[in-house]
């Protein structure tokens, strides 16, 4: 399996880039609350995953053959969808529809990205209607169109990061609050973050 798209029940993809990714997906794992939205676009998911508390009974019956039901309350539906996607051995998972609508759901879903990236070697990203969240656990080179807005969220407050190719260098930034590395800009078609190990969430606008 090459790539799996997970569709969560937040703001439905409307920007051209995530919308095209959803329409061209070879496999879609849909959280139960998002299934009706997806079906209304004449797209049938390959799997519907969750506790099914948000799925109409008629749809539960019609699509019972692709439903993966779990009533475990220790994880949310996005994590259930992610775990099922991992079992299919993809090389990459892209999460859509996980932000917007309720702010608590948005923060919760974004925070899970770092956990997901540590669960396996599978590449995982979360795409919104304005850009991409990428969990990063060590330094590297990242591609972004010149002028793209870039934000860096360090989840480890003692982390020291150096940068090359960003408008505002990170070398002396103390990441003691989430906003410290936000609202930067790529000055070329790529930039580099330099650090050995740590939990970082990178956001790059389209």
N, C-alpha and C. Protein backbone atom coordinates (compact mmCIF):
# COMPACT_ATOMS: atom_id res chain seq x y z
N UNK A 1 0.85 -1.19 0.00
CA UNK A 1 0.00 0.00 0.00
C UNK A 1 0.89 1.25 0.00
N UNK A 2 0.68 2.13 -0.96
CA UNK A 2 1.52 3.31 -1.08
C UNK A 2 1.15 4.42 -0.10
N UNK A 3 -0.07 4.91 -0.20
CA UNK A 3 -0.48 6.06 0.59
C UNK A 3 -1.94 5.91 1.00
N UNK A 4 -2.24 6.27 2.23
CA UNK A 4 -3.61 6.23 2.74
C UNK A 4 -4.02 7.62 3.17
N UNK A 5 -5.21 8.02 2.80
CA UNK A 5 -5.80 9.27 3.25
C UNK A 5 -6.77 8.96 4.38
N UNK A 6 -6.59 9.64 5.51
CA UNK A 6 -7.56 9.58 6.60
C UNK A 6 -8.38 10.86 6.56
N UNK A 7 -9.69 10.72 6.55
CA UNK A 7 -10.57 11.89 6.60
C UNK A 7 -11.24 11.96 7.97
N UNK A 8 -10.96 13.02 8.72
CA UNK A 8 -11.56 13.22 10.03
C UNK A 8 -12.78 14.14 9.91
N UNK A 9 -13.49 14.31 11.01
CA UNK A 9 -14.77 15.01 10.98
C UNK A 9 -14.64 16.48 11.38
N UNK A 10 -13.60 17.15 10.89
CA UNK A 10 -13.47 18.58 11.12
C UNK A 10 -13.90 19.34 9.87
N UNK A 11 -13.18 20.40 9.56
CA UNK A 11 -13.48 21.20 8.37
C UNK A 11 -13.15 20.40 7.12
N UNK A 12 -14.12 20.24 6.26
CA UNK A 12 -13.95 19.43 5.05
C UNK A 12 -12.96 20.12 4.11
N UNK A 13 -12.12 19.37 3.42
CA UNK A 13 -11.15 19.97 2.50
C UNK A 13 -11.83 20.79 1.41
N UNK A 14 -11.43 22.06 1.31
CA UNK A 14 -11.97 22.95 0.27
C UNK A 14 -10.86 23.58 -0.56
N UNK A 15 -9.67 23.72 0.01
CA UNK A 15 -8.53 24.24 -0.75
C UNK A 15 -8.19 23.25 -1.86
N UNK A 16 -7.71 23.77 -2.97
CA UNK A 16 -7.43 22.95 -4.15
C UNK A 16 -6.50 21.78 -3.85
N UNK A 17 -5.46 22.00 -3.04
CA UNK A 17 -4.45 20.97 -2.83
C UNK A 17 -4.98 19.79 -2.01
N UNK A 18 -5.55 19.99 -0.80
CA UNK A 18 -6.10 18.83 -0.09
C UNK A 18 -7.33 18.25 -0.76
N UNK A 19 -8.12 19.08 -1.42
CA UNK A 19 -9.30 18.59 -2.12
C UNK A 19 -8.92 17.65 -3.25
N UNK A 20 -7.89 18.02 -4.00
CA UNK A 20 -7.42 17.15 -5.09
C UNK A 20 -6.83 15.86 -4.54
N UNK A 21 -6.11 15.97 -3.42
CA UNK A 21 -5.54 14.78 -2.80
C UNK A 21 -6.64 13.80 -2.40
N UNK A 22 -7.74 14.31 -1.87
CA UNK A 22 -8.85 13.46 -1.46
C UNK A 22 -9.52 12.81 -2.67
N UNK A 23 -9.75 13.58 -3.71
CA UNK A 23 -10.44 13.07 -4.90
C UNK A 23 -9.61 12.01 -5.64
N UNK A 24 -8.29 12.13 -5.56
CA UNK A 24 -7.41 11.21 -6.28
C UNK A 24 -6.88 10.08 -5.41
N UNK A 25 -7.37 9.97 -4.19
CA UNK A 25 -6.84 8.98 -3.25
C UNK A 25 -7.09 7.56 -3.73
N UNK A 26 -6.09 6.70 -3.53
CA UNK A 26 -6.26 5.29 -3.87
C UNK A 26 -6.90 4.52 -2.72
N UNK A 27 -6.78 5.05 -1.49
CA UNK A 27 -7.46 4.44 -0.35
C UNK A 27 -7.82 5.52 0.66
N UNK A 28 -9.07 5.48 1.14
CA UNK A 28 -9.54 6.45 2.13
C UNK A 28 -10.06 5.70 3.35
N UNK A 29 -9.51 6.03 4.50
CA UNK A 29 -10.02 5.54 5.78
C UNK A 29 -10.74 6.72 6.43
N UNK A 30 -12.03 6.59 6.64
CA UNK A 30 -12.87 7.70 7.05
C UNK A 30 -13.31 7.53 8.50
N UNK A 31 -13.15 8.57 9.31
CA UNK A 31 -13.74 8.56 10.64
C UNK A 31 -15.25 8.61 10.50
N UNK A 32 -15.96 7.96 11.42
CA UNK A 32 -17.40 7.77 11.21
C UNK A 32 -18.17 9.08 11.02
N UNK A 33 -17.78 10.13 11.75
CA UNK A 33 -18.51 11.39 11.64
C UNK A 33 -18.34 12.08 10.31
N UNK A 34 -17.28 11.74 9.57
CA UNK A 34 -17.01 12.38 8.28
C UNK A 34 -17.60 11.61 7.11
N UNK A 35 -18.12 10.42 7.36
CA UNK A 35 -18.57 9.55 6.27
C UNK A 35 -19.68 10.19 5.44
N UNK A 36 -20.65 10.80 6.10
CA UNK A 36 -21.78 11.39 5.37
C UNK A 36 -21.31 12.52 4.46
N UNK A 37 -20.35 13.33 4.94
CA UNK A 37 -19.81 14.43 4.13
C UNK A 37 -19.12 13.87 2.89
N UNK A 38 -18.33 12.82 3.08
CA UNK A 38 -17.60 12.24 1.95
C UNK A 38 -18.55 11.62 0.94
N UNK A 39 -19.52 10.90 1.43
CA UNK A 39 -20.49 10.25 0.54
C UNK A 39 -21.31 11.27 -0.23
N UNK A 40 -21.55 12.42 0.37
CA UNK A 40 -22.32 13.47 -0.32
C UNK A 40 -21.55 14.05 -1.50
N UNK A 41 -20.23 13.81 -1.53
CA UNK A 41 -19.38 14.24 -2.66
C UNK A 41 -19.20 13.11 -3.67
N UNK A 42 -20.01 12.06 -3.53
CA UNK A 42 -19.96 10.89 -4.41
C UNK A 42 -18.61 10.17 -4.34
N UNK A 43 -18.01 10.18 -3.16
CA UNK A 43 -16.79 9.43 -2.91
C UNK A 43 -17.09 8.41 -1.82
N UNK A 44 -16.84 7.14 -2.10
CA UNK A 44 -17.08 6.08 -1.12
C UNK A 44 -15.76 5.70 -0.46
N UNK A 45 -15.70 5.75 0.87
CA UNK A 45 -14.45 5.37 1.55
C UNK A 45 -14.20 3.87 1.44
N UNK A 46 -12.96 3.49 1.67
CA UNK A 46 -12.62 2.06 1.70
C UNK A 46 -12.94 1.46 3.06
N UNK A 47 -12.83 2.29 4.11
CA UNK A 47 -13.17 1.88 5.46
C UNK A 47 -13.78 3.05 6.22
N UNK A 48 -14.71 2.74 7.10
CA UNK A 48 -15.26 3.72 8.03
C UNK A 48 -14.93 3.22 9.43
N UNK A 49 -14.22 4.04 10.20
CA UNK A 49 -13.68 3.59 11.49
C UNK A 49 -14.16 4.50 12.61
N UNK A 50 -14.52 3.90 13.75
CA UNK A 50 -14.91 4.68 14.91
C UNK A 50 -15.90 3.94 15.78
N UNK A 51 -16.48 4.68 16.72
CA UNK A 51 -17.47 4.05 17.60
C UNK A 51 -18.88 4.10 17.01
N UNK A 52 -19.02 4.73 15.86
CA UNK A 52 -20.25 4.80 15.08
C UNK A 52 -21.35 5.62 15.76
N UNK A 53 -20.97 6.44 16.73
CA UNK A 53 -21.98 7.27 17.39
C UNK A 53 -22.39 8.45 16.53
N UNK A 54 -21.62 8.73 15.47
CA UNK A 54 -21.92 9.88 14.60
C UNK A 54 -22.41 9.46 13.22
N UNK A 55 -22.65 8.18 13.03
CA UNK A 55 -23.06 7.69 11.71
C UNK A 55 -24.52 7.27 11.73
N UNK A 56 -25.29 7.81 10.80
CA UNK A 56 -26.71 7.50 10.70
C UNK A 56 -26.94 6.00 10.55
N UNK A 57 -27.99 5.51 11.17
CA UNK A 57 -28.27 4.07 11.16
C UNK A 57 -28.42 3.52 9.75
N UNK A 58 -29.02 4.30 8.87
CA UNK A 58 -29.20 3.82 7.50
C UNK A 58 -27.86 3.65 6.79
N UNK A 59 -26.90 4.56 7.08
CA UNK A 59 -25.57 4.43 6.49
C UNK A 59 -24.79 3.28 7.13
N UNK A 60 -25.01 3.08 8.42
CA UNK A 60 -24.35 1.96 9.10
C UNK A 60 -24.77 0.62 8.47
N UNK A 61 -26.03 0.54 8.09
CA UNK A 61 -26.53 -0.69 7.48
C UNK A 61 -26.02 -0.82 6.05
N UNK A 62 -26.08 0.28 5.31
CA UNK A 62 -25.70 0.23 3.90
C UNK A 62 -24.23 -0.09 3.72
N UNK A 63 -23.38 0.43 4.61
CA UNK A 63 -21.93 0.26 4.45
C UNK A 63 -21.33 -0.64 5.53
N UNK A 64 -22.13 -1.56 6.03
CA UNK A 64 -21.67 -2.42 7.13
C UNK A 64 -20.44 -3.23 6.76
N UNK A 65 -20.25 -3.52 5.47
CA UNK A 65 -19.11 -4.36 5.06
C UNK A 65 -17.76 -3.64 5.13
N UNK A 66 -17.79 -2.32 5.24
CA UNK A 66 -16.52 -1.58 5.31
C UNK A 66 -16.35 -0.88 6.66
N UNK A 67 -17.24 -1.16 7.60
CA UNK A 67 -17.18 -0.52 8.91
C UNK A 67 -16.26 -1.30 9.85
N UNK A 68 -15.37 -0.55 10.50
CA UNK A 68 -14.50 -1.09 11.55
C UNK A 68 -14.92 -0.40 12.84
N UNK A 69 -15.70 -1.08 13.65
CA UNK A 69 -16.28 -0.45 14.84
C UNK A 69 -15.45 -0.73 16.08
N UNK A 70 -15.24 0.32 16.86
CA UNK A 70 -14.53 0.20 18.13
C UNK A 70 -15.16 1.17 19.12
N UNK A 71 -15.59 0.65 20.26
CA UNK A 71 -16.20 1.50 21.28
C UNK A 71 -15.21 1.89 22.37
N UNK A 72 -13.92 1.67 22.14
CA UNK A 72 -12.89 2.03 23.12
C UNK A 72 -12.89 3.55 23.33
N UNK A 73 -13.01 3.98 24.59
CA UNK A 73 -13.06 5.40 24.89
C UNK A 73 -11.70 5.96 25.31
N UNK A 74 -10.65 5.13 25.25
CA UNK A 74 -9.31 5.59 25.61
C UNK A 74 -8.62 6.29 24.44
N UNK A 75 -9.19 6.16 23.25
CA UNK A 75 -8.65 6.85 22.08
C UNK A 75 -9.79 7.51 21.32
N UNK A 76 -9.47 8.53 20.52
CA UNK A 76 -10.52 9.14 19.70
C UNK A 76 -10.60 8.45 18.34
N UNK A 77 -11.57 8.86 17.55
CA UNK A 77 -11.79 8.20 16.26
C UNK A 77 -10.61 8.38 15.31
N UNK A 78 -9.92 9.52 15.40
CA UNK A 78 -8.76 9.73 14.53
C UNK A 78 -7.67 8.71 14.83
N UNK A 79 -7.42 8.46 16.09
CA UNK A 79 -6.40 7.47 16.46
C UNK A 79 -6.84 6.06 16.04
N UNK A 80 -8.11 5.75 16.16
CA UNK A 80 -8.61 4.45 15.70
C UNK A 80 -8.39 4.31 14.20
N UNK A 81 -8.66 5.39 13.46
CA UNK A 81 -8.45 5.35 12.01
C UNK A 81 -6.96 5.23 11.69
N UNK A 82 -6.13 5.91 12.46
CA UNK A 82 -4.68 5.83 12.22
C UNK A 82 -4.17 4.42 12.49
N UNK A 83 -4.59 3.82 13.60
CA UNK A 83 -4.14 2.46 13.92
C UNK A 83 -4.57 1.45 12.85
N UNK A 84 -5.80 1.62 12.35
CA UNK A 84 -6.24 0.71 11.29
C UNK A 84 -5.42 0.94 10.02
N UNK A 85 -5.12 2.19 9.71
CA UNK A 85 -4.32 2.49 8.53
C UNK A 85 -2.93 1.88 8.63
N UNK A 86 -2.33 1.94 9.82
CA UNK A 86 -1.02 1.33 10.01
C UNK A 86 -1.04 -0.16 9.71
N UNK A 87 -2.15 -0.82 10.05
CA UNK A 87 -2.23 -2.27 9.83
C UNK A 87 -2.22 -2.63 8.35
N UNK A 88 -2.43 -1.63 7.48
CA UNK A 88 -2.45 -1.87 6.03
C UNK A 88 -1.08 -1.63 5.39
N UNK A 89 -0.10 -1.28 6.21
CA UNK A 89 1.30 -1.12 5.78
C UNK A 89 1.51 -0.09 4.67
N UNK A 90 1.03 1.12 4.84
CA UNK A 90 1.32 2.16 3.85
C UNK A 90 2.71 2.72 4.07
N UNK A 91 3.22 3.46 3.08
CA UNK A 91 4.49 4.15 3.29
C UNK A 91 4.23 5.56 3.81
N UNK A 92 3.02 6.07 3.57
CA UNK A 92 2.68 7.42 4.03
C UNK A 92 1.19 7.50 4.37
N UNK A 93 0.87 8.30 5.40
CA UNK A 93 -0.51 8.57 5.79
C UNK A 93 -0.68 10.08 5.81
N UNK A 94 -1.70 10.55 5.10
CA UNK A 94 -2.04 11.97 5.11
C UNK A 94 -3.41 12.13 5.75
N UNK A 95 -3.49 12.98 6.77
CA UNK A 95 -4.73 13.21 7.50
C UNK A 95 -5.36 14.51 7.00
N UNK A 96 -6.61 14.43 6.60
CA UNK A 96 -7.37 15.60 6.15
C UNK A 96 -8.56 15.80 7.09
N UNK A 97 -9.09 17.02 7.11
CA UNK A 97 -10.32 17.28 7.86
C UNK A 97 -10.17 17.17 9.37
N UNK A 98 -8.97 17.38 9.89
CA UNK A 98 -8.75 17.19 11.34
C UNK A 98 -8.71 18.50 12.11
N UNK A 99 -8.89 19.63 11.42
CA UNK A 99 -8.87 20.93 12.09
C UNK A 99 -10.14 21.70 11.75
N UNK A 100 -10.27 22.88 12.34
CA UNK A 100 -11.45 23.70 12.11
C UNK A 100 -12.61 23.26 12.98
N UNK A 101 -13.73 23.93 12.87
CA UNK A 101 -14.94 23.66 13.64
C UNK A 101 -14.67 23.85 15.13
N UNK A 102 -14.37 22.81 15.88
CA UNK A 102 -14.13 22.95 17.32
C UNK A 102 -12.64 23.05 17.62
N UNK A 103 -12.28 24.11 18.38
CA UNK A 103 -10.87 24.36 18.67
C UNK A 103 -10.25 23.27 19.53
N UNK A 104 -11.04 22.68 20.45
CA UNK A 104 -10.47 21.63 21.30
C UNK A 104 -10.14 20.39 20.49
N UNK A 105 -10.99 20.06 19.52
CA UNK A 105 -10.69 18.93 18.63
C UNK A 105 -9.45 19.23 17.78
N UNK A 106 -9.36 20.47 17.30
CA UNK A 106 -8.22 20.86 16.48
C UNK A 106 -6.91 20.69 17.24
N UNK A 107 -6.84 21.24 18.46
CA UNK A 107 -5.62 21.13 19.26
C UNK A 107 -5.30 19.68 19.59
N UNK A 108 -6.33 18.92 19.94
CA UNK A 108 -6.12 17.52 20.26
C UNK A 108 -5.57 16.74 19.09
N UNK A 109 -6.15 16.95 17.91
CA UNK A 109 -5.69 16.22 16.72
C UNK A 109 -4.28 16.60 16.31
N UNK A 110 -3.96 17.89 16.37
CA UNK A 110 -2.61 18.32 16.02
C UNK A 110 -1.60 17.74 17.00
N UNK A 111 -1.95 17.73 18.29
CA UNK A 111 -1.00 17.22 19.29
C UNK A 111 -0.71 15.74 19.10
N UNK A 112 -1.65 15.00 18.52
CA UNK A 112 -1.46 13.57 18.31
C UNK A 112 -0.42 13.27 17.24
N UNK A 113 -0.15 14.24 16.36
CA UNK A 113 0.78 14.00 15.25
C UNK A 113 2.14 13.52 15.73
N UNK A 114 2.65 14.15 16.78
CA UNK A 114 3.97 13.76 17.28
C UNK A 114 3.95 12.32 17.76
N UNK A 115 2.87 11.93 18.45
CA UNK A 115 2.74 10.53 18.90
C UNK A 115 2.71 9.59 17.71
N UNK A 116 1.93 9.95 16.70
CA UNK A 116 1.82 9.08 15.52
C UNK A 116 3.17 8.87 14.85
N UNK A 117 3.97 9.93 14.79
CA UNK A 117 5.25 9.83 14.09
C UNK A 117 6.23 8.92 14.81
N UNK A 118 6.00 8.70 16.12
CA UNK A 118 6.89 7.85 16.90
C UNK A 118 6.40 6.41 16.97
N UNK A 119 5.20 6.16 16.46
CA UNK A 119 4.62 4.82 16.56
C UNK A 119 5.18 3.86 15.52
N UNK A 120 5.68 4.39 14.41
CA UNK A 120 6.19 3.53 13.34
C UNK A 120 7.08 4.36 12.43
N UNK A 121 7.62 3.72 11.41
CA UNK A 121 8.46 4.43 10.44
C UNK A 121 7.64 5.05 9.31
N UNK A 122 6.33 4.91 9.36
CA UNK A 122 5.45 5.46 8.33
C UNK A 122 5.46 6.98 8.39
N UNK A 123 5.63 7.63 7.26
CA UNK A 123 5.54 9.08 7.18
C UNK A 123 4.10 9.52 7.39
N UNK A 124 3.89 10.54 8.23
CA UNK A 124 2.53 11.03 8.49
C UNK A 124 2.53 12.55 8.45
N UNK A 125 1.51 13.12 7.81
CA UNK A 125 1.33 14.56 7.76
C UNK A 125 -0.15 14.88 7.97
N UNK A 126 -0.43 16.10 8.42
CA UNK A 126 -1.81 16.56 8.58
C UNK A 126 -1.97 17.81 7.71
N UNK A 127 -2.87 17.71 6.74
CA UNK A 127 -3.09 18.82 5.81
C UNK A 127 -4.39 19.53 6.16
N UNK A 128 -4.33 20.87 6.21
CA UNK A 128 -5.51 21.68 6.47
C UNK A 128 -5.88 22.42 5.18
N UNK A 129 -6.76 23.39 5.30
CA UNK A 129 -7.11 24.19 4.13
C UNK A 129 -6.16 25.38 3.93
N UNK A 130 -5.11 25.45 4.76
CA UNK A 130 -4.12 26.52 4.55
C UNK A 130 -2.70 26.02 4.47
N UNK A 131 -2.44 24.79 4.93
CA UNK A 131 -1.07 24.29 4.88
C UNK A 131 -0.94 22.89 5.45
N UNK A 132 0.32 22.48 5.70
CA UNK A 132 0.63 21.13 6.15
C UNK A 132 1.33 21.15 7.50
N UNK A 133 0.90 20.29 8.41
CA UNK A 133 1.62 20.02 9.64
C UNK A 133 2.46 18.77 9.43
N UNK A 134 3.74 18.87 9.77
CA UNK A 134 4.67 17.74 9.61
C UNK A 134 5.38 17.50 10.94
N UNK A 135 5.24 16.33 11.54
CA UNK A 135 5.99 16.04 12.75
C UNK A 135 7.44 15.72 12.41
N UNK A 136 8.36 16.30 13.16
CA UNK A 136 9.78 16.15 12.89
C UNK A 136 10.48 15.74 14.18
N UNK A 137 11.30 14.70 14.12
CA UNK A 137 11.99 14.21 15.32
C UNK A 137 13.50 14.41 15.26
N UNK A 138 14.00 14.91 14.15
CA UNK A 138 15.42 15.27 14.02
C UNK A 138 15.53 16.25 12.86
N UNK A 139 16.69 16.88 12.74
CA UNK A 139 16.86 17.89 11.71
C UNK A 139 16.80 17.33 10.30
N UNK A 140 16.66 18.23 9.33
CA UNK A 140 16.61 17.81 7.94
C UNK A 140 16.31 18.98 7.03
N UNK A 141 16.24 18.68 5.73
CA UNK A 141 15.90 19.68 4.71
C UNK A 141 14.43 19.53 4.34
N UNK A 142 13.72 20.65 4.26
CA UNK A 142 12.29 20.64 3.98
C UNK A 142 12.01 21.56 2.78
N UNK A 143 11.16 21.10 1.90
CA UNK A 143 10.87 21.83 0.68
C UNK A 143 9.62 22.68 0.85
N UNK A 144 9.74 23.93 0.43
CA UNK A 144 8.62 24.88 0.51
C UNK A 144 8.87 25.95 -0.54
N UNK A 145 7.83 26.35 -1.20
CA UNK A 145 7.98 27.40 -2.20
C UNK A 145 8.53 28.67 -1.56
N UNK A 146 9.37 29.36 -2.29
CA UNK A 146 9.93 30.62 -1.78
C UNK A 146 8.80 31.56 -1.35
N UNK A 147 8.90 32.09 -0.17
CA UNK A 147 7.87 32.98 0.36
C UNK A 147 6.81 32.28 1.19
N UNK A 148 6.87 30.96 1.26
CA UNK A 148 5.91 30.22 2.09
C UNK A 148 6.08 30.59 3.55
N UNK A 149 4.97 30.72 4.26
CA UNK A 149 5.02 30.97 5.69
C UNK A 149 5.32 29.66 6.41
N UNK A 150 6.20 29.75 7.40
CA UNK A 150 6.67 28.57 8.12
C UNK A 150 6.57 28.83 9.62
N UNK A 151 6.01 27.89 10.36
CA UNK A 151 5.98 27.97 11.82
C UNK A 151 6.56 26.70 12.40
N UNK A 152 7.35 26.87 13.46
CA UNK A 152 7.99 25.73 14.12
C UNK A 152 7.51 25.69 15.57
N UNK A 153 6.91 24.58 15.96
CA UNK A 153 6.44 24.39 17.33
C UNK A 153 7.31 23.30 17.98
N UNK A 154 8.12 23.68 18.95
CA UNK A 154 8.97 22.73 19.66
C UNK A 154 8.21 22.23 20.89
N UNK A 155 7.95 20.93 20.95
CA UNK A 155 7.23 20.36 22.08
C UNK A 155 8.14 20.09 23.26
N UNK A 156 9.45 20.15 23.03
CA UNK A 156 10.44 20.02 24.10
C UNK A 156 11.04 21.40 24.33
N UNK A 157 10.76 22.02 25.49
CA UNK A 157 11.10 23.42 25.69
C UNK A 157 12.60 23.69 25.75
N UNK A 158 13.41 22.67 26.00
CA UNK A 158 14.86 22.86 26.07
C UNK A 158 15.56 22.64 24.73
N UNK A 159 14.79 22.41 23.70
CA UNK A 159 15.37 22.10 22.40
C UNK A 159 16.05 23.33 21.79
N UNK A 160 17.24 23.12 21.25
CA UNK A 160 17.96 24.16 20.53
C UNK A 160 17.96 23.82 19.04
N UNK A 161 17.50 24.74 18.22
CA UNK A 161 17.39 24.51 16.78
C UNK A 161 18.13 25.61 16.04
N UNK A 162 18.95 25.21 15.06
CA UNK A 162 19.55 26.16 14.14
C UNK A 162 18.83 26.02 12.79
N UNK A 163 18.83 27.08 12.03
CA UNK A 163 18.13 27.05 10.74
C UNK A 163 18.97 27.68 9.65
N UNK A 164 18.74 27.20 8.43
CA UNK A 164 19.32 27.77 7.22
C UNK A 164 18.18 27.94 6.22
N UNK A 165 18.05 29.11 5.65
CA UNK A 165 17.04 29.32 4.62
C UNK A 165 15.73 29.89 5.12
N UNK A 166 15.68 30.30 6.39
CA UNK A 166 14.50 30.97 6.93
C UNK A 166 14.79 32.47 7.10
N UNK A 167 13.78 33.28 6.92
CA UNK A 167 13.95 34.74 7.01
C UNK A 167 14.45 35.16 8.38
N UNK A 168 13.93 34.51 9.43
CA UNK A 168 14.34 34.82 10.79
C UNK A 168 15.05 33.60 11.38
N UNK A 169 16.38 33.63 11.51
CA UNK A 169 17.12 32.46 12.00
C UNK A 169 16.64 32.03 13.39
N UNK A 170 16.68 30.72 13.63
CA UNK A 170 16.20 30.17 14.89
C UNK A 170 17.31 29.97 15.93
N UNK A 171 18.53 30.30 15.56
CA UNK A 171 19.70 29.93 16.35
C UNK A 171 19.61 30.36 17.82
N UNK A 172 19.02 31.52 18.11
CA UNK A 172 18.97 32.03 19.48
C UNK A 172 17.57 32.00 20.08
N UNK A 173 16.65 31.28 19.43
CA UNK A 173 15.28 31.22 19.93
C UNK A 173 15.20 30.26 21.11
N UNK A 174 14.57 30.71 22.18
CA UNK A 174 14.28 29.85 23.33
C UNK A 174 12.82 29.42 23.21
N UNK A 175 12.60 28.13 23.01
CA UNK A 175 11.24 27.63 22.74
C UNK A 175 10.50 27.35 24.05
N UNK A 176 10.26 28.42 24.82
CA UNK A 176 9.56 28.27 26.09
C UNK A 176 8.07 28.55 25.97
N UNK A 177 7.62 28.80 24.75
CA UNK A 177 6.19 28.98 24.50
C UNK A 177 5.91 28.66 23.04
N UNK A 178 4.69 28.23 22.74
CA UNK A 178 4.37 27.75 21.40
C UNK A 178 4.59 28.79 20.31
N UNK A 179 4.40 30.08 20.64
CA UNK A 179 4.45 31.10 19.60
C UNK A 179 5.87 31.44 19.16
N UNK A 180 6.88 31.00 19.90
CA UNK A 180 8.25 31.47 19.70
C UNK A 180 8.77 31.25 18.28
N UNK A 181 8.42 30.13 17.67
CA UNK A 181 8.95 29.84 16.34
C UNK A 181 7.94 30.03 15.22
N UNK A 182 6.90 30.81 15.48
CA UNK A 182 5.84 30.97 14.48
C UNK A 182 6.12 32.14 13.54
N UNK A 183 5.38 32.15 12.43
CA UNK A 183 5.34 33.28 11.49
C UNK A 183 6.72 33.59 10.90
N UNK A 184 7.41 32.54 10.48
CA UNK A 184 8.67 32.69 9.78
C UNK A 184 8.40 32.58 8.28
N UNK A 185 9.44 32.56 7.47
CA UNK A 185 9.25 32.53 6.02
C UNK A 185 10.43 31.86 5.33
N UNK A 186 10.13 31.04 4.35
CA UNK A 186 11.17 30.40 3.55
C UNK A 186 11.69 31.40 2.52
N UNK A 187 13.02 31.57 2.49
CA UNK A 187 13.59 32.56 1.55
C UNK A 187 14.08 31.91 0.27
N UNK A 188 13.92 30.60 0.16
CA UNK A 188 14.29 29.88 -1.06
C UNK A 188 13.27 28.76 -1.25
N UNK A 189 13.59 27.78 -2.07
CA UNK A 189 12.66 26.67 -2.30
C UNK A 189 12.82 25.54 -1.29
N UNK A 190 13.73 25.72 -0.34
CA UNK A 190 13.89 24.75 0.75
C UNK A 190 14.56 25.45 1.92
N UNK A 191 14.48 24.83 3.08
CA UNK A 191 15.17 25.34 4.26
C UNK A 191 15.61 24.14 5.09
N UNK A 192 16.54 24.40 6.00
CA UNK A 192 17.07 23.32 6.82
C UNK A 192 16.91 23.64 8.30
N UNK A 193 16.50 22.63 9.06
CA UNK A 193 16.49 22.71 10.52
C UNK A 193 17.58 21.79 11.03
N UNK A 194 18.37 22.28 11.97
CA UNK A 194 19.52 21.52 12.46
C UNK A 194 19.35 21.27 13.95
N UNK A 195 19.08 20.03 14.33
CA UNK A 195 19.05 19.59 15.72
C UNK A 195 19.15 18.08 15.73
N UNK A 196 19.64 17.53 16.83
CA UNK A 196 19.89 16.09 16.88
C UNK A 196 18.62 15.28 17.09
N UNK A 197 17.86 15.63 18.10
CA UNK A 197 16.69 14.83 18.45
C UNK A 197 15.72 15.65 19.28
N UNK A 198 14.43 15.51 19.00
CA UNK A 198 13.41 16.24 19.74
C UNK A 198 12.09 16.17 19.02
N UNK A 199 11.06 16.64 19.67
CA UNK A 199 9.72 16.62 19.09
C UNK A 199 9.35 18.01 18.59
N UNK A 200 9.17 18.10 17.26
CA UNK A 200 8.87 19.39 16.63
C UNK A 200 7.69 19.19 15.69
N UNK A 201 6.80 20.16 15.67
CA UNK A 201 5.74 20.20 14.66
C UNK A 201 6.02 21.37 13.74
N UNK A 202 6.12 21.08 12.47
CA UNK A 202 6.42 22.07 11.45
C UNK A 202 5.16 22.35 10.65
N UNK A 203 4.86 23.64 10.44
CA UNK A 203 3.71 24.04 9.62
C UNK A 203 4.19 24.86 8.45
N UNK A 204 3.80 24.45 7.24
CA UNK A 204 4.19 25.16 6.01
C UNK A 204 2.93 25.47 5.23
N UNK A 205 2.73 26.73 4.87
CA UNK A 205 1.56 27.09 4.10
C UNK A 205 1.71 26.63 2.65
N UNK A 206 0.55 26.46 1.97
CA UNK A 206 0.57 26.09 0.55
C UNK A 206 1.09 27.24 -0.29
